[in-house]
């Protein structure tokens, strides 16, 4: 039995639940996409999260769900050009990602909440390959696993306030994630990036950066893993 609490209270994990909704992080995603929050807000949240929740707690990270899609808007409405980046963060930050029904089709429709409103599975705007890549990344790299079996999380200090960089490690498996949380192209200096580049392999993101270097250029709301 695996219990999910549709709430956000740390003590629920002490009493019964294995996983809970990361509602505050969801709202931070929405505000970053609108330019109302920055990498600093994300860092503050993650530090607070680490202190508040037990190590074996699974936190469910999402860009949409049935309430959000119907009442507050689709991912396109709320996240706009940042929607792919936020999906990447939901798979790489500590926690368990949620894929809401229809997201793999590129769903851009507020489904009716109380009436039958079927998802159109024509896949014309399919995100299937994108989510398959993210699932493979999460499954095949233990650094991205969740709970007690998951990798450590360390934020790397960088001078560009629009860029968030973190590393996750689990045994011999190490991953570096670099994300641009702004709607403008950004360049960021990565401490020891050139050294890491000879040891690490590009797996997903802005393709002009096939090899990690001391300076990395990121597209608007771009990412590099």
N, C-alpha and C. Protein backbone atom coordinates (compact mmCIF):
# COMPACT_ATOMS: atom_id res chain seq x y z
N UNK A 1 0.86 -1.19 0.00
CA UNK A 1 0.00 0.00 0.00
C UNK A 1 0.89 1.23 0.00
N UNK A 2 0.59 2.15 -0.93
CA UNK A 2 1.33 3.42 -1.03
C UNK A 2 0.31 4.54 -0.91
N UNK A 3 0.40 5.36 0.13
CA UNK A 3 -0.62 6.35 0.43
C UNK A 3 -0.19 7.76 0.03
N UNK A 4 -1.05 8.43 -0.73
CA UNK A 4 -0.83 9.81 -1.17
C UNK A 4 -1.81 10.73 -0.46
N UNK A 5 -1.29 11.77 0.20
CA UNK A 5 -2.15 12.76 0.85
C UNK A 5 -2.31 13.97 -0.07
N UNK A 6 -3.55 14.34 -0.36
CA UNK A 6 -3.78 15.53 -1.18
C UNK A 6 -3.73 16.76 -0.26
N UNK A 7 -2.59 16.93 0.35
CA UNK A 7 -2.36 18.03 1.27
C UNK A 7 -0.86 18.25 1.37
N UNK A 8 -0.46 19.16 2.25
CA UNK A 8 0.95 19.51 2.35
C UNK A 8 1.32 19.74 3.81
N UNK A 9 1.24 18.67 4.62
CA UNK A 9 1.57 18.76 6.03
C UNK A 9 2.63 17.72 6.37
N UNK A 10 3.80 18.15 6.84
CA UNK A 10 4.88 17.21 7.14
C UNK A 10 4.48 16.10 8.10
N UNK A 11 3.63 16.41 9.10
CA UNK A 11 3.31 15.38 10.09
C UNK A 11 2.45 14.25 9.52
N UNK A 12 1.85 14.45 8.35
CA UNK A 12 1.12 13.36 7.72
C UNK A 12 2.06 12.20 7.39
N UNK A 13 3.31 12.54 7.09
CA UNK A 13 4.29 11.49 6.78
C UNK A 13 4.69 10.72 8.04
N UNK A 14 4.57 11.36 9.19
CA UNK A 14 4.88 10.66 10.45
C UNK A 14 3.78 9.68 10.80
N UNK A 15 2.55 9.99 10.42
CA UNK A 15 1.40 9.20 10.87
C UNK A 15 1.04 8.07 9.92
N UNK A 16 1.01 8.36 8.60
CA UNK A 16 0.50 7.32 7.70
C UNK A 16 0.98 7.43 6.26
N UNK A 17 1.20 8.63 5.78
CA UNK A 17 1.32 8.81 4.33
C UNK A 17 2.76 8.69 3.82
N UNK A 18 2.86 8.16 2.59
CA UNK A 18 4.15 8.03 1.92
C UNK A 18 4.47 9.26 1.07
N UNK A 19 3.43 9.85 0.47
CA UNK A 19 3.65 10.97 -0.46
C UNK A 19 2.60 12.05 -0.24
N UNK A 20 2.99 13.29 -0.50
CA UNK A 20 2.07 14.42 -0.39
C UNK A 20 2.32 15.40 -1.52
N UNK A 21 1.32 16.21 -1.80
CA UNK A 21 1.39 17.18 -2.90
C UNK A 21 2.33 18.34 -2.57
N UNK A 22 3.21 18.68 -3.50
CA UNK A 22 4.09 19.85 -3.33
C UNK A 22 3.40 21.09 -3.89
N UNK A 23 2.35 21.51 -3.19
CA UNK A 23 1.54 22.63 -3.68
C UNK A 23 2.34 23.92 -3.77
N UNK A 24 3.12 24.21 -2.74
CA UNK A 24 3.86 25.47 -2.74
C UNK A 24 4.83 25.55 -3.91
N UNK A 25 5.49 24.44 -4.21
CA UNK A 25 6.41 24.42 -5.36
C UNK A 25 5.65 24.65 -6.66
N UNK A 26 4.47 24.08 -6.77
CA UNK A 26 3.63 24.30 -7.96
C UNK A 26 3.36 25.79 -8.16
N UNK A 27 3.02 26.49 -7.09
CA UNK A 27 2.75 27.92 -7.19
C UNK A 27 4.02 28.71 -7.52
N UNK A 28 5.16 28.24 -7.02
CA UNK A 28 6.44 28.88 -7.37
C UNK A 28 6.72 28.72 -8.86
N UNK A 29 6.48 27.53 -9.41
CA UNK A 29 6.62 27.31 -10.86
C UNK A 29 5.80 28.34 -11.63
N UNK A 30 4.52 28.50 -11.25
CA UNK A 30 3.64 29.44 -11.94
C UNK A 30 4.17 30.87 -11.88
N UNK A 31 4.68 31.25 -10.71
CA UNK A 31 5.15 32.64 -10.54
C UNK A 31 6.49 32.88 -11.24
N UNK A 32 7.36 31.87 -11.29
CA UNK A 32 8.61 32.02 -12.04
C UNK A 32 8.30 32.21 -13.51
N UNK A 33 7.34 31.45 -14.03
CA UNK A 33 6.96 31.56 -15.44
C UNK A 33 6.46 32.95 -15.79
N UNK A 34 5.84 33.63 -14.80
CA UNK A 34 5.31 34.98 -15.03
C UNK A 34 6.32 36.07 -14.68
N UNK A 35 7.52 35.68 -14.25
CA UNK A 35 8.53 36.66 -13.87
C UNK A 35 8.31 37.26 -12.50
N UNK A 36 7.46 36.64 -11.68
CA UNK A 36 7.14 37.17 -10.36
C UNK A 36 8.03 36.57 -9.27
N UNK A 37 8.74 35.48 -9.57
CA UNK A 37 9.69 34.87 -8.64
C UNK A 37 10.96 34.50 -9.40
N UNK A 38 12.02 34.20 -8.65
CA UNK A 38 13.33 33.96 -9.26
C UNK A 38 13.95 32.68 -8.69
N UNK A 39 15.19 32.44 -9.12
CA UNK A 39 15.95 31.29 -8.62
C UNK A 39 16.12 31.36 -7.11
N UNK A 40 16.20 32.56 -6.56
CA UNK A 40 16.37 32.71 -5.11
C UNK A 40 15.16 32.16 -4.36
N UNK A 41 13.96 32.40 -4.89
CA UNK A 41 12.76 31.88 -4.25
C UNK A 41 12.72 30.36 -4.29
N UNK A 42 13.15 29.80 -5.42
CA UNK A 42 13.20 28.34 -5.54
C UNK A 42 14.19 27.75 -4.54
N UNK A 43 15.36 28.38 -4.41
CA UNK A 43 16.38 27.90 -3.47
C UNK A 43 15.88 27.96 -2.03
N UNK A 44 15.20 29.04 -1.68
CA UNK A 44 14.67 29.18 -0.32
C UNK A 44 13.64 28.10 -0.02
N UNK A 45 12.79 27.82 -0.99
CA UNK A 45 11.78 26.79 -0.80
C UNK A 45 12.42 25.42 -0.58
N UNK A 46 13.39 25.07 -1.40
CA UNK A 46 14.01 23.75 -1.32
C UNK A 46 14.75 23.56 0.00
N UNK A 47 15.35 24.62 0.51
CA UNK A 47 16.03 24.54 1.81
C UNK A 47 15.01 24.32 2.92
N UNK A 48 13.91 25.05 2.86
CA UNK A 48 12.85 24.90 3.86
C UNK A 48 12.24 23.49 3.80
N UNK A 49 12.07 23.00 2.58
CA UNK A 49 11.51 21.66 2.36
C UNK A 49 12.38 20.57 3.00
N UNK A 50 13.68 20.72 2.83
CA UNK A 50 14.62 19.74 3.36
C UNK A 50 14.55 19.67 4.88
N UNK A 51 14.34 20.81 5.51
CA UNK A 51 14.26 20.86 6.96
C UNK A 51 12.93 20.33 7.49
N UNK A 52 11.86 20.54 6.72
CA UNK A 52 10.51 20.26 7.22
C UNK A 52 10.10 18.80 7.08
N UNK A 53 10.58 18.11 6.04
CA UNK A 53 10.07 16.78 5.74
C UNK A 53 11.09 15.69 6.05
N UNK A 54 10.63 14.53 6.52
CA UNK A 54 11.56 13.43 6.77
C UNK A 54 12.20 12.94 5.48
N UNK A 55 13.35 12.32 5.58
CA UNK A 55 14.12 11.92 4.40
C UNK A 55 13.38 10.92 3.52
N UNK A 56 12.55 10.09 4.14
CA UNK A 56 11.85 9.08 3.35
C UNK A 56 10.53 9.57 2.76
N UNK A 57 10.23 10.86 2.92
CA UNK A 57 8.98 11.41 2.38
C UNK A 57 9.09 11.60 0.87
N UNK A 58 8.08 11.15 0.16
CA UNK A 58 7.96 11.42 -1.27
C UNK A 58 7.10 12.68 -1.43
N UNK A 59 7.60 13.63 -2.20
CA UNK A 59 6.83 14.84 -2.48
C UNK A 59 6.42 14.81 -3.94
N UNK A 60 5.13 14.95 -4.22
CA UNK A 60 4.65 14.85 -5.59
C UNK A 60 4.71 16.22 -6.27
N UNK A 61 5.50 16.29 -7.33
CA UNK A 61 5.72 17.54 -8.05
C UNK A 61 4.92 17.51 -9.34
N UNK A 62 4.23 18.60 -9.64
CA UNK A 62 3.33 18.60 -10.79
C UNK A 62 3.26 19.97 -11.46
N UNK A 63 2.96 19.96 -12.74
CA UNK A 63 2.71 21.20 -13.46
C UNK A 63 1.22 21.38 -13.72
N UNK A 64 0.45 20.29 -13.54
CA UNK A 64 -1.00 20.36 -13.70
C UNK A 64 -1.63 19.20 -12.96
N UNK A 65 -2.92 19.36 -12.63
CA UNK A 65 -3.74 18.25 -12.13
C UNK A 65 -5.20 18.60 -12.43
N UNK A 66 -6.13 17.78 -11.97
CA UNK A 66 -7.53 18.02 -12.36
C UNK A 66 -8.07 19.35 -11.86
N UNK A 67 -7.69 19.76 -10.65
CA UNK A 67 -8.15 21.06 -10.14
C UNK A 67 -7.53 22.21 -10.92
N UNK A 68 -6.21 22.17 -11.08
CA UNK A 68 -5.50 23.26 -11.73
C UNK A 68 -5.94 23.43 -13.18
N UNK A 69 -6.04 22.31 -13.89
CA UNK A 69 -6.41 22.37 -15.31
C UNK A 69 -7.80 22.99 -15.51
N UNK A 70 -8.74 22.61 -14.68
CA UNK A 70 -10.11 23.10 -14.85
C UNK A 70 -10.29 24.53 -14.37
N UNK A 71 -9.81 24.82 -13.18
CA UNK A 71 -10.14 26.10 -12.53
C UNK A 71 -9.10 27.19 -12.76
N UNK A 72 -7.82 26.84 -12.89
CA UNK A 72 -6.77 27.87 -13.01
C UNK A 72 -6.09 27.93 -14.37
N UNK A 73 -6.36 26.94 -15.22
CA UNK A 73 -5.84 27.02 -16.58
C UNK A 73 -4.92 25.89 -16.96
N UNK A 74 -4.78 25.70 -18.26
CA UNK A 74 -3.89 24.68 -18.79
C UNK A 74 -2.43 25.08 -18.53
N UNK A 75 -1.51 24.17 -18.80
CA UNK A 75 -0.09 24.51 -18.61
C UNK A 75 0.32 25.65 -19.55
N UNK A 76 -0.29 25.68 -20.74
CA UNK A 76 0.02 26.78 -21.67
C UNK A 76 -0.45 28.12 -21.11
N UNK A 77 -1.61 28.13 -20.50
CA UNK A 77 -2.15 29.37 -19.93
C UNK A 77 -1.34 29.84 -18.72
N UNK A 78 -0.94 28.90 -17.87
CA UNK A 78 -0.25 29.28 -16.63
C UNK A 78 1.26 29.41 -16.79
N UNK A 79 1.85 28.50 -17.56
CA UNK A 79 3.31 28.45 -17.66
C UNK A 79 3.86 28.96 -18.98
N UNK A 80 3.04 29.00 -20.01
CA UNK A 80 3.48 29.52 -21.31
C UNK A 80 4.73 28.82 -21.82
N UNK A 81 5.72 29.59 -22.20
CA UNK A 81 6.96 29.04 -22.78
C UNK A 81 7.81 28.29 -21.76
N UNK A 82 7.46 28.40 -20.49
CA UNK A 82 8.23 27.71 -19.44
C UNK A 82 7.70 26.31 -19.13
N UNK A 83 6.67 25.85 -19.85
CA UNK A 83 6.02 24.60 -19.47
C UNK A 83 6.96 23.39 -19.56
N UNK A 84 7.81 23.33 -20.59
CA UNK A 84 8.73 22.19 -20.71
C UNK A 84 9.78 22.22 -19.60
N UNK A 85 10.29 23.41 -19.32
CA UNK A 85 11.29 23.55 -18.25
C UNK A 85 10.73 23.08 -16.92
N UNK A 86 9.50 23.47 -16.61
CA UNK A 86 8.91 23.08 -15.33
C UNK A 86 8.67 21.57 -15.27
N UNK A 87 8.36 20.97 -16.40
CA UNK A 87 8.24 19.50 -16.43
C UNK A 87 9.59 18.86 -16.15
N UNK A 88 10.65 19.42 -16.71
CA UNK A 88 12.01 18.91 -16.46
C UNK A 88 12.34 19.00 -14.97
N UNK A 89 12.00 20.13 -14.36
CA UNK A 89 12.27 20.28 -12.92
C UNK A 89 11.45 19.28 -12.10
N UNK A 90 10.23 18.99 -12.54
CA UNK A 90 9.40 18.04 -11.78
C UNK A 90 9.99 16.63 -11.80
N UNK A 91 10.81 16.33 -12.82
CA UNK A 91 11.44 15.02 -12.91
C UNK A 91 12.85 14.97 -12.30
N UNK A 92 13.46 16.12 -12.09
CA UNK A 92 14.86 16.12 -11.64
C UNK A 92 15.05 16.62 -10.21
N UNK A 93 14.16 17.46 -9.70
CA UNK A 93 14.23 17.88 -8.30
C UNK A 93 13.84 16.70 -7.41
N UNK A 94 14.23 16.71 -6.14
CA UNK A 94 13.84 15.62 -5.25
C UNK A 94 12.32 15.50 -5.15
N UNK A 95 11.80 14.33 -5.44
CA UNK A 95 10.36 14.12 -5.42
C UNK A 95 9.91 13.16 -6.49
N UNK A 96 8.60 13.02 -6.62
CA UNK A 96 7.99 12.12 -7.60
C UNK A 96 7.12 12.95 -8.56
N UNK A 97 7.38 12.86 -9.87
CA UNK A 97 6.60 13.67 -10.81
C UNK A 97 5.21 13.09 -11.07
N UNK A 98 4.27 13.98 -11.33
CA UNK A 98 2.92 13.61 -11.77
C UNK A 98 2.76 14.01 -13.23
N UNK A 99 2.26 13.08 -14.05
CA UNK A 99 1.82 13.43 -15.41
C UNK A 99 0.30 13.38 -15.38
N UNK A 100 -0.32 14.54 -15.60
CA UNK A 100 -1.77 14.63 -15.58
C UNK A 100 -2.33 14.05 -16.88
N UNK A 101 -3.48 13.39 -16.80
CA UNK A 101 -4.09 12.77 -17.97
C UNK A 101 -4.17 13.74 -19.15
N UNK A 102 -3.60 13.33 -20.27
CA UNK A 102 -3.65 14.15 -21.48
C UNK A 102 -2.43 15.01 -21.72
N UNK A 103 -1.58 15.17 -20.70
CA UNK A 103 -0.40 16.00 -20.91
C UNK A 103 0.50 15.42 -22.01
N UNK A 104 0.51 14.08 -22.12
CA UNK A 104 1.34 13.46 -23.15
C UNK A 104 0.81 13.71 -24.56
N UNK A 105 -0.45 14.18 -24.68
CA UNK A 105 -1.01 14.52 -25.99
C UNK A 105 -0.77 15.99 -26.34
N UNK A 106 -0.21 16.75 -25.39
CA UNK A 106 -0.12 18.19 -25.59
C UNK A 106 -1.44 18.88 -25.27
N UNK A 107 -2.21 18.29 -24.37
CA UNK A 107 -3.53 18.80 -24.00
C UNK A 107 -3.48 20.30 -23.69
N UNK A 108 -4.30 21.07 -24.42
CA UNK A 108 -4.41 22.51 -24.16
C UNK A 108 -5.89 22.86 -24.09
N UNK A 109 -6.55 22.22 -23.13
CA UNK A 109 -8.00 22.36 -22.99
C UNK A 109 -8.36 22.19 -21.52
N UNK A 110 -9.19 23.09 -21.01
CA UNK A 110 -9.68 22.96 -19.64
C UNK A 110 -10.79 21.93 -19.62
N UNK A 111 -10.50 20.75 -19.13
CA UNK A 111 -11.51 19.69 -19.10
C UNK A 111 -12.61 20.04 -18.11
N UNK A 112 -13.85 19.74 -18.51
CA UNK A 112 -14.99 19.97 -17.62
C UNK A 112 -14.82 19.14 -16.35
N UNK A 113 -15.15 19.73 -15.21
CA UNK A 113 -14.88 19.07 -13.93
C UNK A 113 -15.99 18.08 -13.55
N UNK A 114 -17.25 18.43 -13.87
CA UNK A 114 -18.36 17.60 -13.42
C UNK A 114 -19.06 16.87 -14.56
N UNK A 115 -18.69 17.15 -15.79
CA UNK A 115 -19.32 16.50 -16.94
C UNK A 115 -18.31 15.68 -17.71
N UNK A 116 -18.79 14.73 -18.50
CA UNK A 116 -17.91 13.92 -19.30
C UNK A 116 -17.27 14.79 -20.38
N UNK A 117 -15.98 14.84 -20.40
CA UNK A 117 -15.24 15.67 -21.36
C UNK A 117 -13.99 14.89 -21.74
N UNK A 118 -14.06 14.14 -22.79
CA UNK A 118 -13.02 13.18 -23.12
C UNK A 118 -11.77 13.84 -23.69
N UNK A 119 -10.62 13.27 -23.34
CA UNK A 119 -9.34 13.70 -23.92
C UNK A 119 -9.29 13.24 -25.37
N UNK A 120 -8.89 14.10 -26.27
CA UNK A 120 -8.75 13.73 -27.68
C UNK A 120 -7.35 13.14 -27.88
N UNK A 121 -7.32 11.86 -28.21
CA UNK A 121 -6.05 11.16 -28.30
C UNK A 121 -5.51 11.15 -29.73
N UNK A 122 -5.67 12.26 -30.46
CA UNK A 122 -5.17 12.30 -31.84
C UNK A 122 -3.65 12.51 -31.89
N UNK A 123 -3.06 12.97 -30.79
CA UNK A 123 -1.60 13.12 -30.65
C UNK A 123 -1.00 14.10 -31.67
N UNK A 124 -1.82 14.98 -32.23
CA UNK A 124 -1.30 15.95 -33.22
C UNK A 124 -0.20 16.82 -32.61
N UNK A 125 -0.38 17.21 -31.38
CA UNK A 125 0.62 18.04 -30.70
C UNK A 125 1.29 17.22 -29.59
N UNK A 126 1.61 15.99 -29.91
CA UNK A 126 2.07 15.02 -28.92
C UNK A 126 3.33 15.48 -28.17
N UNK A 127 3.29 15.22 -26.86
CA UNK A 127 4.46 15.40 -26.00
C UNK A 127 4.98 14.04 -25.56
N UNK A 128 4.52 12.99 -26.24
CA UNK A 128 4.85 11.62 -25.84
C UNK A 128 6.36 11.38 -25.76
N UNK A 129 7.09 11.76 -26.82
CA UNK A 129 8.53 11.51 -26.84
C UNK A 129 9.24 12.29 -25.73
N UNK A 130 8.77 13.52 -25.48
CA UNK A 130 9.35 14.36 -24.43
C UNK A 130 9.20 13.69 -23.07
N UNK A 131 8.00 13.22 -22.76
CA UNK A 131 7.79 12.58 -21.46
C UNK A 131 8.47 11.22 -21.37
N UNK A 132 8.57 10.50 -22.49
CA UNK A 132 9.32 9.24 -22.49
C UNK A 132 10.78 9.48 -22.11
N UNK A 133 11.36 10.55 -22.67
CA UNK A 133 12.75 10.89 -22.35
C UNK A 133 12.90 11.18 -20.86
N UNK A 134 11.95 11.95 -20.32
CA UNK A 134 12.03 12.30 -18.90
C UNK A 134 11.85 11.07 -18.01
N UNK A 135 10.94 10.18 -18.39
CA UNK A 135 10.73 8.96 -17.61
C UNK A 135 11.98 8.08 -17.65
N UNK A 136 12.58 7.96 -18.83
CA UNK A 136 13.82 7.18 -18.95
C UNK A 136 14.92 7.78 -18.08
N UNK A 137 15.02 9.10 -18.12
CA UNK A 137 16.04 9.80 -17.33
C UNK A 137 15.85 9.52 -15.84
N UNK A 138 14.62 9.61 -15.38
CA UNK A 138 14.31 9.40 -13.97
C UNK A 138 14.54 7.94 -13.56
N UNK A 139 14.14 7.02 -14.44
CA UNK A 139 14.20 5.60 -14.11
C UNK A 139 15.62 5.06 -14.13
N UNK A 140 16.40 5.49 -15.12
CA UNK A 140 17.71 4.88 -15.37
C UNK A 140 18.87 5.56 -14.65
N UNK A 141 18.59 6.66 -13.95
CA UNK A 141 19.65 7.37 -13.21
C UNK A 141 19.26 7.44 -11.73
N UNK A 142 19.93 6.66 -10.91
CA UNK A 142 19.56 6.58 -9.49
C UNK A 142 19.71 7.91 -8.77
N UNK A 143 20.50 8.83 -9.34
CA UNK A 143 20.62 10.17 -8.73
C UNK A 143 19.27 10.87 -8.66
N UNK A 144 18.36 10.53 -9.59
CA UNK A 144 17.05 11.17 -9.65
C UNK A 144 15.95 10.38 -8.94
N UNK A 145 16.30 9.27 -8.30
CA UNK A 145 15.27 8.49 -7.61
C UNK A 145 14.74 9.26 -6.40
N UNK A 146 13.66 8.74 -5.84
CA UNK A 146 12.95 9.46 -4.78
C UNK A 146 13.09 8.78 -3.42
N UNK A 147 12.73 9.53 -2.38
CA UNK A 147 12.73 8.99 -1.03
C UNK A 147 14.13 8.62 -0.56
N UNK A 148 14.21 7.64 0.31
CA UNK A 148 15.49 7.24 0.91
C UNK A 148 16.46 6.67 -0.12
N UNK A 149 15.94 6.12 -1.21
CA UNK A 149 16.81 5.55 -2.24
C UNK A 149 17.26 6.59 -3.26
N UNK A 150 16.80 7.82 -3.10
CA UNK A 150 17.14 8.87 -4.05
C UNK A 150 18.51 9.48 -3.80
N UNK A 151 18.95 10.27 -4.78
CA UNK A 151 20.25 10.90 -4.68
C UNK A 151 20.23 12.15 -3.81
N UNK A 152 21.41 12.55 -3.37
CA UNK A 152 21.55 13.79 -2.62
C UNK A 152 21.24 14.98 -3.53
N UNK A 153 21.01 16.12 -2.90
CA UNK A 153 20.72 17.35 -3.65
C UNK A 153 21.60 18.47 -3.13
N UNK A 154 22.36 19.09 -4.04
CA UNK A 154 23.22 20.22 -3.67
C UNK A 154 23.07 21.32 -4.71
N UNK A 155 22.71 22.52 -4.24
CA UNK A 155 22.66 23.66 -5.15
C UNK A 155 24.07 24.21 -5.34
N UNK A 156 24.45 24.49 -6.60
CA UNK A 156 25.77 25.05 -6.89
C UNK A 156 25.67 26.57 -6.99
N UNK A 157 26.58 27.29 -6.35
CA UNK A 157 26.54 28.75 -6.41
C UNK A 157 26.99 29.26 -7.77
N UNK A 158 26.17 30.12 -8.38
CA UNK A 158 26.53 30.78 -9.63
C UNK A 158 26.18 32.26 -9.50
N UNK A 159 26.84 33.08 -10.31
CA UNK A 159 26.65 34.53 -10.18
C UNK A 159 25.45 35.05 -10.94
N UNK A 160 24.93 34.29 -11.89
CA UNK A 160 23.77 34.73 -12.66
C UNK A 160 22.49 34.43 -11.87
N UNK A 161 21.73 35.47 -11.44
CA UNK A 161 20.57 35.25 -10.59
C UNK A 161 19.39 34.62 -11.32
N UNK A 162 19.45 34.54 -12.65
CA UNK A 162 18.36 33.95 -13.43
C UNK A 162 18.54 32.46 -13.65
N UNK A 163 19.70 31.94 -13.25
CA UNK A 163 20.03 30.54 -13.53
C UNK A 163 20.13 29.76 -12.22
N UNK A 164 19.54 28.56 -12.23
CA UNK A 164 19.57 27.68 -11.06
C UNK A 164 20.33 26.42 -11.46
N UNK A 165 21.33 26.06 -10.65
CA UNK A 165 22.18 24.90 -10.97
C UNK A 165 22.22 23.98 -9.74
N UNK A 166 22.00 22.70 -9.98
CA UNK A 166 22.09 21.76 -8.87
C UNK A 166 22.66 20.43 -9.34
N UNK A 167 23.26 19.73 -8.38
CA UNK A 167 23.83 18.41 -8.64
C UNK A 167 23.12 17.40 -7.75
N UNK A 168 22.94 16.19 -8.29
CA UNK A 168 22.40 15.09 -7.50
C UNK A 168 23.32 13.89 -7.65
N UNK A 169 23.51 13.18 -6.55
CA UNK A 169 24.46 12.08 -6.56
C UNK A 169 23.92 10.89 -5.79
N UNK A 170 24.14 9.70 -6.36
CA UNK A 170 23.77 8.46 -5.69
C UNK A 170 24.82 7.42 -6.07
N UNK A 171 25.79 7.19 -5.16
CA UNK A 171 26.87 6.25 -5.47
C UNK A 171 27.72 6.75 -6.62
N UNK A 172 27.80 5.95 -7.68
CA UNK A 172 28.60 6.32 -8.85
C UNK A 172 27.81 7.17 -9.85
N UNK A 173 26.56 7.41 -9.56
CA UNK A 173 25.69 8.14 -10.49
C UNK A 173 25.58 9.60 -10.07
N UNK A 174 26.10 10.50 -10.89
CA UNK A 174 26.04 11.93 -10.60
C UNK A 174 25.39 12.66 -11.77
N UNK A 175 24.49 13.58 -11.47
CA UNK A 175 23.82 14.37 -12.50
C UNK A 175 23.92 15.85 -12.17
N UNK A 176 24.11 16.65 -13.20
CA UNK A 176 24.18 18.10 -13.07
C UNK A 176 23.05 18.70 -13.89
N UNK A 177 22.25 19.57 -13.27
CA UNK A 177 21.10 20.17 -13.94
C UNK A 177 21.26 21.69 -13.92
N UNK A 178 21.18 22.31 -15.10
CA UNK A 178 21.34 23.76 -15.25
C UNK A 178 20.08 24.29 -15.92
N UNK A 179 19.39 25.24 -15.28
CA UNK A 179 18.14 25.73 -15.86
C UNK A 179 18.11 27.26 -15.87
N UNK A 180 17.54 27.79 -16.94
CA UNK A 180 17.35 29.23 -17.10
C UNK A 180 15.91 29.56 -16.71
N UNK A 181 15.73 30.27 -15.62
CA UNK A 181 14.39 30.57 -15.11
C UNK A 181 13.87 31.91 -15.61
N UNK A 182 14.37 32.35 -16.76
CA UNK A 182 13.93 33.63 -17.31
C UNK A 182 13.53 33.47 -18.78
N UNK A 183 12.83 34.48 -19.30
CA UNK A 183 12.38 34.43 -20.70
C UNK A 183 13.42 35.01 -21.66
N UNK A 184 14.64 35.28 -21.15
CA UNK A 184 15.73 35.78 -22.00
C UNK A 184 16.88 34.78 -22.01
N UNK A 185 17.63 34.79 -23.09
CA UNK A 185 18.81 33.93 -23.18
C UNK A 185 19.80 34.33 -22.08
N UNK A 186 20.42 33.33 -21.47
CA UNK A 186 21.36 33.59 -20.38
C UNK A 186 22.65 32.80 -20.58
N UNK A 187 23.74 33.39 -20.10
CA UNK A 187 25.03 32.68 -20.04
C UNK A 187 25.43 32.57 -18.58
N UNK A 188 25.90 31.40 -18.20
CA UNK A 188 26.26 31.19 -16.80
C UNK A 188 27.63 30.52 -16.72
N UNK A 189 28.42 30.94 -15.74
CA UNK A 189 29.71 30.31 -15.50
C UNK A 189 29.51 29.16 -14.52
N UNK A 190 29.99 27.98 -14.91
CA UNK A 190 29.87 26.79 -14.08
C UNK A 190 31.22 26.50 -13.45
N UNK A 191 31.32 26.56 -12.13
CA UNK A 191 32.61 26.27 -11.49
C UNK A 191 33.13 24.88 -11.87
N UNK A 192 34.30 24.84 -12.49
CA UNK A 192 34.88 23.56 -12.90
C UNK A 192 34.16 22.88 -14.04
N UNK A 193 33.35 23.65 -14.78
CA UNK A 193 32.56 23.08 -15.86
C UNK A 193 33.37 22.34 -16.90
N UNK A 194 34.51 22.90 -17.27
CA UNK A 194 35.36 22.24 -18.25
C UNK A 194 35.87 20.90 -17.77
N UNK A 195 36.22 20.84 -16.48
CA UNK A 195 36.69 19.59 -15.89
C UNK A 195 35.57 18.55 -15.88
N UNK A 196 34.38 18.98 -15.46
CA UNK A 196 33.25 18.06 -15.45
C UNK A 196 32.92 17.58 -16.85
N UNK A 197 33.11 18.47 -17.83
CA UNK A 197 32.74 18.16 -19.21
C UNK A 197 33.47 16.95 -19.77
N UNK A 198 34.67 16.71 -19.30
CA UNK A 198 35.42 15.56 -19.80
C UNK A 198 34.96 14.26 -19.16
N UNK A 199 34.19 14.37 -18.06
CA UNK A 199 33.76 13.18 -17.33
C UNK A 199 32.27 12.90 -17.47
N UNK A 200 31.50 13.91 -17.86
CA UNK A 200 30.05 13.78 -17.89
C UNK A 200 29.51 13.82 -19.31
N UNK A 201 28.33 13.26 -19.50
CA UNK A 201 27.72 13.13 -20.82
C UNK A 201 26.44 13.94 -20.89
N UNK A 202 26.29 14.73 -21.95
CA UNK A 202 25.05 15.47 -22.19
C UNK A 202 23.91 14.48 -22.42
N UNK A 203 22.76 14.70 -21.77
CA UNK A 203 21.64 13.79 -21.99
C UNK A 203 20.37 14.47 -22.46
N UNK A 204 20.16 15.73 -22.11
CA UNK A 204 18.90 16.38 -22.46
C UNK A 204 19.03 17.89 -22.36
N UNK A 205 18.42 18.61 -23.31
CA UNK A 205 18.38 20.06 -23.19
C UNK A 205 18.86 20.79 -24.42
N UNK A 206 19.35 22.02 -24.20
CA UNK A 206 19.79 22.89 -25.30
C UNK A 206 20.94 22.23 -26.05
N UNK A 207 20.70 21.87 -27.29
CA UNK A 207 21.62 20.99 -28.00
C UNK A 207 22.92 21.65 -28.42
N UNK A 208 22.98 23.00 -28.43
CA UNK A 208 24.25 23.61 -28.79
C UNK A 208 25.32 23.36 -27.72
N UNK A 209 24.88 22.96 -26.54
CA UNK A 209 25.82 22.69 -25.45
C UNK A 209 26.06 21.18 -25.33
N UNK A 210 26.59 20.57 -26.37
CA UNK A 210 26.77 19.13 -26.35
C UNK A 210 27.82 18.70 -25.34
N UNK A 211 28.72 19.62 -24.99
CA UNK A 211 29.74 19.31 -24.01
C UNK A 211 29.77 20.41 -22.95
N UNK A 212 29.81 20.00 -21.72
CA UNK A 212 29.82 20.97 -20.63
C UNK A 212 31.12 21.75 -20.63
N UNK A 213 31.02 23.07 -20.52
CA UNK A 213 32.19 23.94 -20.49
C UNK A 213 32.09 24.88 -19.30
N UNK A 214 33.12 25.72 -19.13
CA UNK A 214 33.10 26.68 -18.01
C UNK A 214 31.96 27.67 -18.13
N UNK A 215 31.58 27.99 -19.38
CA UNK A 215 30.44 28.87 -19.63
C UNK A 215 29.40 28.12 -20.45
N UNK A 216 28.17 28.20 -20.02
CA UNK A 216 27.08 27.53 -20.71
C UNK A 216 26.03 28.57 -21.11
N UNK A 217 25.61 28.51 -22.38
CA UNK A 217 24.58 29.42 -22.88
C UNK A 217 23.26 28.67 -22.90
N UNK A 218 22.23 29.31 -22.36
CA UNK A 218 20.91 28.68 -22.27
C UNK A 218 19.87 29.50 -23.00
N UNK A 219 19.00 28.84 -23.72
CA UNK A 219 17.88 29.50 -24.38
C UNK A 219 16.89 30.03 -23.33
N UNK A 220 15.97 30.91 -23.71
CA UNK A 220 14.94 31.34 -22.77
C UNK A 220 14.20 30.13 -22.18
N UNK A 221 14.09 30.07 -20.88
CA UNK A 221 13.53 28.93 -20.17
C UNK A 221 14.16 27.61 -20.65
N UNK A 222 15.47 27.68 -20.94
CA UNK A 222 16.18 26.50 -21.40
C UNK A 222 16.73 25.69 -20.25
N UNK A 223 17.17 24.48 -20.59
CA UNK A 223 17.71 23.57 -19.58
C UNK A 223 18.80 22.71 -20.19
N UNK A 224 19.69 22.23 -19.33
CA UNK A 224 20.81 21.42 -19.76
C UNK A 224 21.11 20.39 -18.68
N UNK A 225 21.06 19.11 -19.03
CA UNK A 225 21.31 18.04 -18.05
C UNK A 225 22.51 17.23 -18.52
